[in-house]
Each structure stands twice: as structure tokens, then as C-alpha cells.
PDB file of all heavy atoms in Angstrom:
ATOM      1  N   ASN A   1      39.776 -80.437 -27.552  1.00  0.00           N
ATOM      2  CA  ASN A   1      39.090 -79.786 -28.748  1.00  0.00           C
ATOM      3  C   ASN A   1      39.362 -78.220 -28.701  1.00  0.00           C
ATOM      4  O   ASN A   1      39.120 -77.611 -29.656  1.00  0.00           O
ATOM      5  CB  ASN A   1      37.566 -80.025 -28.623  1.00  0.00           C
ATOM      6  CG  ASN A   1      36.871 -79.558 -27.469  1.00  0.00           C
ATOM      7  OD1 ASN A   1      37.466 -79.165 -26.460  1.00  0.00           O
ATOM      8  ND2 ASN A   1      35.530 -79.414 -27.610  1.00  0.00           N
ATOM      9  N   ARG A   2      39.907 -77.674 -27.636  1.00  0.00           N
ATOM     10  CA  ARG A   2      40.348 -76.344 -27.552  1.00  0.00           C
ATOM     11  C   ARG A   2      41.860 -76.082 -27.750  1.00  0.00           C
ATOM     12  O   ARG A   2      42.225 -74.910 -27.856  1.00  0.00           O
ATOM     13  CB  ARG A   2      39.827 -75.774 -26.160  1.00  0.00           C
ATOM     14  CG  ARG A   2      38.371 -75.756 -25.946  1.00  0.00           C
ATOM     15  CD  ARG A   2      37.925 -74.939 -24.787  1.00  0.00           C
ATOM     16  NE  ARG A   2      38.360 -73.623 -24.887  1.00  0.00           N
ATOM     17  CZ  ARG A   2      39.097 -72.775 -24.022  1.00  0.00           C
ATOM     18  NH1 ARG A   2      39.304 -73.401 -22.840  1.00  0.00           N
ATOM     19  NH2 ARG A   2      39.446 -71.671 -24.244  1.00  0.00           N
ATOM     20  N   GLN A   3      42.650 -77.114 -27.734  1.00  0.00           N
ATOM     21  CA  GLN A   3      43.976 -77.000 -27.580  1.00  0.00           C
ATOM     22  C   GLN A   3      44.589 -76.268 -28.938  1.00  0.00           C
ATOM     23  O   GLN A   3      45.396 -75.447 -28.898  1.00  0.00           O
ATOM     24  CB  GLN A   3      44.776 -78.300 -27.475  1.00  0.00           C
ATOM     25  CG  GLN A   3      44.678 -78.777 -26.101  1.00  0.00           C
ATOM     26  CD  GLN A   3      45.409 -79.974 -25.781  1.00  0.00           C
ATOM     27  OE1 GLN A   3      46.294 -80.379 -26.605  1.00  0.00           O
ATOM     28  NE2 GLN A   3      45.255 -80.547 -24.574  1.00  0.00           N
ATOM     29  N   ASN A   4      43.988 -76.469 -30.056  1.00  0.00           N
ATOM     30  CA  ASN A   4      44.535 -75.771 -31.297  1.00  0.00           C
ATOM     31  C   ASN A   4      44.344 -74.370 -31.264  1.00  0.00           C
ATOM     32  O   ASN A   4      45.244 -73.675 -31.575  1.00  0.00           O
ATOM     33  CB  ASN A   4      43.999 -76.487 -32.531  1.00  0.00           C
ATOM     34  CG  ASN A   4      44.509 -77.907 -32.926  1.00  0.00           C
ATOM     35  OD1 ASN A   4      45.484 -78.080 -32.427  1.00  0.00           O
ATOM     36  ND2 ASN A   4      43.695 -78.567 -33.674  1.00  0.00           N
ATOM     37  N   ILE A   5      43.150 -73.980 -30.786  1.00  0.00           N
ATOM     38  CA  ILE A   5      42.941 -72.542 -30.865  1.00  0.00           C
ATOM     39  C   ILE A   5      43.740 -71.880 -29.673  1.00  0.00           C
ATOM     40  O   ILE A   5      44.349 -70.657 -29.939  1.00  0.00           O
ATOM     41  CB  ILE A   5      41.371 -72.175 -30.703  1.00  0.00           C
ATOM     42  CG1 ILE A   5      41.193 -70.721 -30.992  1.00  0.00           C
ATOM     43  CG2 ILE A   5      40.847 -72.560 -29.253  1.00  0.00           C
ATOM     44  CD1 ILE A   5      39.647 -70.443 -31.154  1.00  0.00           C
ATOM     45  N   VAL A   6      43.971 -72.441 -28.547  1.00  0.00           N
ATOM     46  CA  VAL A   6      44.779 -72.058 -27.513  1.00  0.00           C
ATOM     47  C   VAL A   6      46.187 -71.903 -28.004  1.00  0.00           C
ATOM     48  O   VAL A   6      46.903 -70.944 -27.762  1.00  0.00           O
ATOM     49  CB  VAL A   6      44.631 -72.831 -26.176  1.00  0.00           C
ATOM     50  CG1 VAL A   6      45.597 -72.380 -25.172  1.00  0.00           C
ATOM     51  CG2 VAL A   6      43.197 -72.595 -25.694  1.00  0.00           C
ATOM     52  N   ARG A   7      46.740 -72.917 -28.604  1.00  0.00           N
ATOM     53  CA  ARG A   7      48.087 -73.000 -29.087  1.00  0.00           C
ATOM     54  C   ARG A   7      48.413 -71.873 -30.041  1.00  0.00           C
ATOM     55  O   ARG A   7      49.362 -71.158 -30.007  1.00  0.00           O
ATOM     56  CB  ARG A   7      48.416 -74.244 -29.884  1.00  0.00           C
ATOM     57  CG  ARG A   7      48.698 -75.503 -28.988  1.00  0.00           C
ATOM     58  CD  ARG A   7      48.914 -76.758 -30.132  1.00  0.00           C
ATOM     59  NE  ARG A   7      49.093 -77.893 -29.090  1.00  0.00           N
ATOM     60  CZ  ARG A   7      50.260 -78.204 -28.724  1.00  0.00           C
ATOM     61  NH1 ARG A   7      51.393 -77.480 -28.883  1.00  0.00           N
ATOM     62  NH2 ARG A   7      50.454 -79.343 -27.999  1.00  0.00           N
ATOM     63  N   ALA A   8      47.373 -71.522 -30.969  1.00  0.00           N
ATOM     64  CA  ALA A   8      47.460 -70.537 -31.929  1.00  0.00           C
ATOM     65  C   ALA A   8      47.556 -69.292 -31.177  1.00  0.00           C
ATOM     66  O   ALA A   8      48.418 -68.335 -31.625  1.00  0.00           O
ATOM     67  CB  ALA A   8      46.363 -70.521 -33.024  1.00  0.00           C
ATOM     68  N   CYS A   9      46.672 -69.009 -30.246  1.00  0.00           N
ATOM     69  CA  CYS A   9      46.745 -67.672 -29.496  1.00  0.00           C
ATOM     70  C   CYS A   9      47.985 -67.511 -28.761  1.00  0.00           C
ATOM     71  O   CYS A   9      48.540 -66.382 -28.874  1.00  0.00           O
ATOM     72  CB  CYS A   9      45.488 -67.652 -28.572  1.00  0.00           C
ATOM     73  SG  CYS A   9      45.237 -65.991 -27.923  1.00  0.00           S
ATOM     74  N   VAL A  10      48.419 -68.539 -28.068  1.00  0.00           N
ATOM     75  CA  VAL A  10      49.794 -68.352 -27.310  1.00  0.00           C
ATOM     76  C   VAL A  10      50.932 -68.100 -28.212  1.00  0.00           C
ATOM     77  O   VAL A  10      51.876 -67.383 -28.000  1.00  0.00           O
ATOM     78  CB  VAL A  10      49.949 -69.726 -26.366  1.00  0.00           C
ATOM     79  CG1 VAL A  10      51.322 -69.699 -25.826  1.00  0.00           C
ATOM     80  CG2 VAL A  10      48.931 -69.756 -25.272  1.00  0.00           C
ATOM     81  N   SER A  11      50.884 -68.671 -29.412  1.00  0.00           N
ATOM     82  CA  SER A  11      51.977 -68.490 -30.338  1.00  0.00           C
ATOM     83  C   SER A  11      51.925 -67.073 -31.024  1.00  0.00           C
ATOM     84  O   SER A  11      52.957 -66.719 -31.460  1.00  0.00           O
ATOM     85  CB  SER A  11      52.086 -69.610 -31.383  1.00  0.00           C
ATOM     86  OG  SER A  11      50.913 -69.506 -32.270  1.00  0.00           O
ATOM     87  N   ARG A  12      50.802 -66.526 -30.919  1.00  0.00           N
ATOM     88  CA  ARG A  12      50.661 -65.154 -31.545  1.00  0.00           C
ATOM     89  C   ARG A  12      51.231 -64.072 -30.642  1.00  0.00           C
ATOM     90  O   ARG A  12      51.523 -62.911 -31.181  1.00  0.00           O
ATOM     91  CB  ARG A  12      49.155 -64.774 -31.803  1.00  0.00           C
ATOM     92  CG  ARG A  12      48.699 -65.244 -33.298  1.00  0.00           C
ATOM     93  CD  ARG A  12      47.422 -64.577 -33.643  1.00  0.00           C
ATOM     94  NE  ARG A  12      46.339 -64.765 -32.632  1.00  0.00           N
ATOM     95  CZ  ARG A  12      45.462 -65.678 -32.504  1.00  0.00           C
ATOM     96  NH1 ARG A  12      45.630 -66.676 -33.282  1.00  0.00           N
ATOM     97  NH2 ARG A  12      44.528 -65.622 -31.535  1.00  0.00           N
ATOM     98  N   HIS A  13      51.246 -64.275 -29.395  1.00  0.00           N
ATOM     99  CA  HIS A  13      51.510 -63.237 -28.531  1.00  0.00           C
ATOM    100  C   HIS A  13      52.611 -63.652 -27.352  1.00  0.00           C
ATOM    101  O   HIS A  13      52.702 -64.806 -27.111  1.00  0.00           O
ATOM    102  CB  HIS A  13      50.261 -62.906 -27.622  1.00  0.00           C
ATOM    103  CG  HIS A  13      49.077 -62.434 -28.595  1.00  0.00           C
ATOM    104  ND1 HIS A  13      48.924 -61.302 -29.056  1.00  0.00           N
ATOM    105  CD2 HIS A  13      47.998 -63.200 -28.881  1.00  0.00           C
ATOM    106  CE1 HIS A  13      47.855 -61.152 -29.788  1.00  0.00           C
ATOM    107  NE2 HIS A  13      47.135 -62.318 -29.582  1.00  0.00           N
ATOM    108  N   ALA A  14      53.315 -62.589 -27.009  1.00  0.00           N
ATOM    109  CA  ALA A  14      54.217 -62.769 -25.920  1.00  0.00           C
ATOM    110  C   ALA A  14      53.333 -62.699 -24.546  1.00  0.00           C
ATOM    111  O   ALA A  14      52.213 -62.292 -24.540  1.00  0.00           O
ATOM    112  CB  ALA A  14      55.258 -61.615 -25.868  1.00  0.00           C
ATOM    113  N   ALA A  15      53.946 -63.304 -23.574  1.00  0.00           N
ATOM    114  CA  ALA A  15      53.235 -63.304 -22.271  1.00  0.00           C
ATOM    115  C   ALA A  15      52.916 -61.905 -21.750  1.00  0.00           C
ATOM    116  O   ALA A  15      51.778 -61.687 -21.220  1.00  0.00           O
ATOM    117  CB  ALA A  15      54.120 -63.959 -21.044  1.00  0.00           C
ATOM    118  N   SER A  16      53.820 -60.862 -22.106  1.00  0.00           N
ATOM    119  CA  SER A  16      53.582 -59.516 -21.729  1.00  0.00           C
ATOM    120  C   SER A  16      52.233 -58.987 -22.330  1.00  0.00           C
ATOM    121  O   SER A  16      51.511 -58.158 -21.693  1.00  0.00           O
ATOM    122  CB  SER A  16      54.522 -58.706 -22.076  1.00  0.00           C
ATOM    123  OG  SER A  16      54.870 -58.594 -23.471  1.00  0.00           O
ATOM    124  N   ALA A  17      51.879 -59.438 -23.635  1.00  0.00           N
ATOM    125  CA  ALA A  17      50.675 -58.973 -24.170  1.00  0.00           C
ATOM    126  C   ALA A  17      49.307 -59.454 -23.335  1.00  0.00           C
ATOM    127  O   ALA A  17      48.400 -58.680 -23.213  1.00  0.00           O
ATOM    128  CB  ALA A  17      50.535 -59.576 -25.658  1.00  0.00           C
ATOM    129  N   PHE A  18      49.377 -60.656 -22.908  1.00  0.00           N
ATOM    130  CA  PHE A  18      48.364 -61.274 -22.038  1.00  0.00           C
ATOM    131  C   PHE A  18      48.094 -60.481 -20.784  1.00  0.00           C
ATOM    132  O   PHE A  18      47.091 -60.101 -20.202  1.00  0.00           O
ATOM    133  CB  PHE A  18      48.462 -62.753 -21.828  1.00  0.00           C
ATOM    134  CG  PHE A  18      48.440 -63.582 -23.036  1.00  0.00           C
ATOM    135  CD1 PHE A  18      49.520 -64.354 -23.414  1.00  0.00           C
ATOM    136  CD2 PHE A  18      47.256 -63.521 -23.779  1.00  0.00           C
ATOM    137  CE1 PHE A  18      49.433 -65.037 -24.610  1.00  0.00           C
ATOM    138  CE2 PHE A  18      47.227 -64.338 -25.066  1.00  0.00           C
ATOM    139  CZ  PHE A  18      48.300 -65.128 -25.370  1.00  0.00           C
ATOM    140  N   PHE A  19      49.296 -60.111 -20.234  1.00  0.00           N
ATOM    141  CA  PHE A  19      49.254 -59.398 -18.802  1.00  0.00           C
ATOM    142  C   PHE A  19      48.599 -57.917 -19.132  1.00  0.00           C
ATOM    143  O   PHE A  19      48.024 -57.428 -18.327  1.00  0.00           O
ATOM    144  CB  PHE A  19      50.678 -59.382 -18.208  1.00  0.00           C
ATOM    145  CG  PHE A  19      51.044 -60.712 -17.614  1.00  0.00           C
ATOM    146  CD1 PHE A  19      52.067 -61.586 -18.226  1.00  0.00           C
ATOM    147  CD2 PHE A  19      50.314 -61.340 -16.521  1.00  0.00           C
ATOM    148  CE1 PHE A  19      52.461 -62.751 -17.642  1.00  0.00           C
ATOM    149  CE2 PHE A  19      50.617 -62.456 -16.049  1.00  0.00           C
ATOM    150  CZ  PHE A  19      51.664 -63.294 -16.683  1.00  0.00           C
ATOM    151  N   ALA A  20      49.192 -57.299 -20.330  1.00  0.00           N
ATOM    152  CA  ALA A  20      48.522 -55.998 -20.633  1.00  0.00           C
ATOM    153  C   ALA A  20      47.010 -56.063 -20.835  1.00  0.00           C
ATOM    154  O   ALA A  20      46.242 -55.236 -20.357  1.00  0.00           O
ATOM    155  CB  ALA A  20      49.328 -55.570 -21.876  1.00  0.00           C
ATOM    156  N   LEU A  21      46.738 -57.262 -21.540  1.00  0.00           N
ATOM    157  CA  LEU A  21      45.115 -57.361 -21.742  1.00  0.00           C
ATOM    158  C   LEU A  21      44.436 -57.685 -20.435  1.00  0.00           C
ATOM    159  O   LEU A  21      43.327 -57.234 -20.251  1.00  0.00           O
ATOM    160  CB  LEU A  21      44.850 -58.529 -22.718  1.00  0.00           C
ATOM    161  CG  LEU A  21      45.210 -58.153 -24.121  1.00  0.00           C
ATOM    162  CD1 LEU A  21      45.171 -59.451 -25.051  1.00  0.00           C
ATOM    163  CD2 LEU A  21      44.410 -57.039 -24.646  1.00  0.00           C
ATOM    164  N   LEU A  22      44.998 -58.268 -19.398  1.00  0.00           N
ATOM    165  CA  LEU A  22      44.496 -58.467 -18.122  1.00  0.00           C
ATOM    166  C   LEU A  22      44.243 -57.105 -17.365  1.00  0.00           C
ATOM    167  O   LEU A  22      43.327 -57.014 -16.713  1.00  0.00           O
ATOM    168  CB  LEU A  22      45.397 -59.372 -17.243  1.00  0.00           C
ATOM    169  CG  LEU A  22      45.182 -60.820 -17.400  1.00  0.00           C
ATOM    170  CD1 LEU A  22      46.275 -61.673 -16.806  1.00  0.00           C
ATOM    171  CD2 LEU A  22      43.764 -61.231 -16.827  1.00  0.00           C
ATOM    172  N   LYS A  23      45.086 -56.131 -17.591  1.00  0.00           N
ATOM    173  CA  LYS A  23      44.876 -54.826 -17.086  1.00  0.00           C
ATOM    174  C   LYS A  23      43.637 -54.206 -17.663  1.00  0.00           C
ATOM    175  O   LYS A  23      42.950 -53.509 -16.984  1.00  0.00           O
ATOM    176  CB  LYS A  23      46.131 -53.943 -17.327  1.00  0.00           C
ATOM    177  CG  LYS A  23      47.352 -54.344 -16.378  1.00  0.00           C
ATOM    178  CD  LYS A  23      48.561 -53.510 -16.817  1.00  0.00           C
ATOM    179  CE  LYS A  23      49.718 -53.951 -15.921  1.00  0.00           C
ATOM    180  NZ  LYS A  23      50.808 -53.012 -16.223  1.00  0.00           N
ATOM    181  N   VAL A  24      43.401 -54.318 -19.022  1.00  0.00           N
ATOM    182  CA  VAL A  24      42.361 -53.746 -19.662  1.00  0.00           C
ATOM    183  C   VAL A  24      41.078 -54.584 -19.078  1.00  0.00           C
ATOM    184  O   VAL A  24      40.039 -53.998 -18.829  1.00  0.00           O
ATOM    185  CB  VAL A  24      42.390 -53.872 -21.143  1.00  0.00           C
ATOM    186  CG1 VAL A  24      41.113 -53.531 -21.762  1.00  0.00           C
ATOM    187  CG2 VAL A  24      43.630 -53.270 -21.665  1.00  0.00           C
ATOM    188  N   ALA A  25      41.151 -55.970 -18.804  1.00  0.00           N
ATOM    189  CA  ALA A  25      40.147 -56.617 -18.194  1.00  0.00           C
ATOM    190  C   ALA A  25      39.687 -56.216 -17.005  1.00  0.00           C
ATOM    191  O   ALA A  25      38.608 -56.120 -16.482  1.00  0.00           O
ATOM    192  CB  ALA A  25      40.455 -58.246 -18.234  1.00  0.00           C
ATOM    193  N   ARG A  26      40.723 -55.731 -16.088  1.00  0.00           N
ATOM    194  CA  ARG A  26      40.417 -55.297 -14.764  1.00  0.00           C
ATOM    195  C   ARG A  26      39.525 -53.857 -14.912  1.00  0.00           C
ATOM    196  O   ARG A  26      38.540 -53.636 -14.184  1.00  0.00           O
ATOM    197  CB  ARG A  26      41.655 -54.930 -14.055  1.00  0.00           C
ATOM    198  CG  ARG A  26      41.456 -54.437 -12.574  1.00  0.00           C
ATOM    199  CD  ARG A  26      42.709 -54.327 -11.672  1.00  0.00           C
ATOM    200  NE  ARG A  26      43.975 -55.018 -12.399  1.00  0.00           N
ATOM    201  CZ  ARG A  26      45.143 -54.262 -12.495  1.00  0.00           C
ATOM    202  NH1 ARG A  26      45.213 -53.115 -12.115  1.00  0.00           N
ATOM    203  NH2 ARG A  26      46.072 -54.873 -13.065  1.00  0.00           N
ATOM    204  N   ARG A  27      39.861 -53.071 -15.840  1.00  0.00           N
ATOM    205  CA  ARG A  27      39.206 -51.894 -16.090  1.00  0.00           C
ATOM    206  C   ARG A  27      37.782 -52.178 -16.586  1.00  0.00           C
ATOM    207  O   ARG A  27      36.737 -51.576 -16.193  1.00  0.00           O
ATOM    208  CB  ARG A  27      39.841 -50.940 -17.032  1.00  0.00           C
ATOM    209  CG  ARG A  27      41.190 -50.379 -16.627  1.00  0.00           C
ATOM    210  CD  ARG A  27      41.937 -49.522 -17.518  1.00  0.00           C
ATOM    211  NE  ARG A  27      41.171 -48.925 -18.529  1.00  0.00           N
ATOM    212  CZ  ARG A  27      41.447 -48.830 -19.834  1.00  0.00           C
ATOM    213  NH1 ARG A  27      42.638 -49.429 -20.255  1.00  0.00           N
ATOM    214  NH2 ARG A  27      40.765 -48.331 -20.792  1.00  0.00           N
ATOM    215  N   ALA A  28      37.675 -53.237 -17.448  1.00  0.00           N
ATOM    216  CA  ALA A  28      36.334 -53.491 -17.999  1.00  0.00           C
ATOM    217  C   ALA A  28      35.425 -54.133 -16.983  1.00  0.00           C
ATOM    218  O   ALA A  28      34.294 -53.879 -16.866  1.00  0.00           O
ATOM    219  CB  ALA A  28      36.529 -54.451 -19.159  1.00  0.00           C
ATOM    220  N   ASP A  29      35.956 -54.987 -15.990  1.00  0.00           N
ATOM    221  CA  ASP A  29      35.298 -55.520 -14.997  1.00  0.00           C
ATOM    222  C   ASP A  29      34.689 -54.373 -14.098  1.00  0.00           C
ATOM    223  O   ASP A  29      33.672 -54.428 -13.709  1.00  0.00           O
ATOM    224  CB  ASP A  29      36.110 -56.442 -14.061  1.00  0.00           C
ATOM    225  CG  ASP A  29      35.364 -57.176 -13.048  1.00  0.00           C
ATOM    226  OD1 ASP A  29      34.393 -57.940 -13.221  1.00  0.00           O
ATOM    227  OD2 ASP A  29      35.681 -56.977 -11.803  1.00  0.00           O
ATOM    228  N   ALA A  30      35.510 -53.405 -13.640  1.00  0.00           N
ATOM    229  CA  ALA A  30      35.081 -52.209 -12.928  1.00  0.00           C
ATOM    230  C   ALA A  30      33.890 -51.530 -13.540  1.00  0.00           C
ATOM    231  O   ALA A  30      32.989 -51.086 -13.033  1.00  0.00           O
ATOM    232  CB  ALA A  30      36.356 -51.293 -12.551  1.00  0.00           C
ATOM    233  N   ALA A  31      34.132 -51.460 -14.873  1.00  0.00           N
ATOM    234  CA  ALA A  31      33.113 -50.676 -15.705  1.00  0.00           C
ATOM    235  C   ALA A  31      31.854 -51.460 -15.658  1.00  0.00           C
ATOM    236  O   ALA A  31      30.647 -50.829 -15.481  1.00  0.00           O
ATOM    237  CB  ALA A  31      33.639 -50.420 -17.179  1.00  0.00           C
TER     238      ALA A  31
END
């Protein structure tokens, strides 16, 4: 039931975009 939304998200972005957002997530976690 989550595959369509995950597929859409993966198709919208390159892997590098997710890794960049993970860097922001690291900052957000520290905050």
C-alpha cells in the first residue's frame, strides 16, 4: 500500500538528492 508513493518519490529525485536531504536530517536531529 506504500509502493506507489515510494515509487513516485524515487522517480522524482536522483539518489544524490536523498543523500543531501540526509545531511539536512542530521542537522535537524542535532537541533
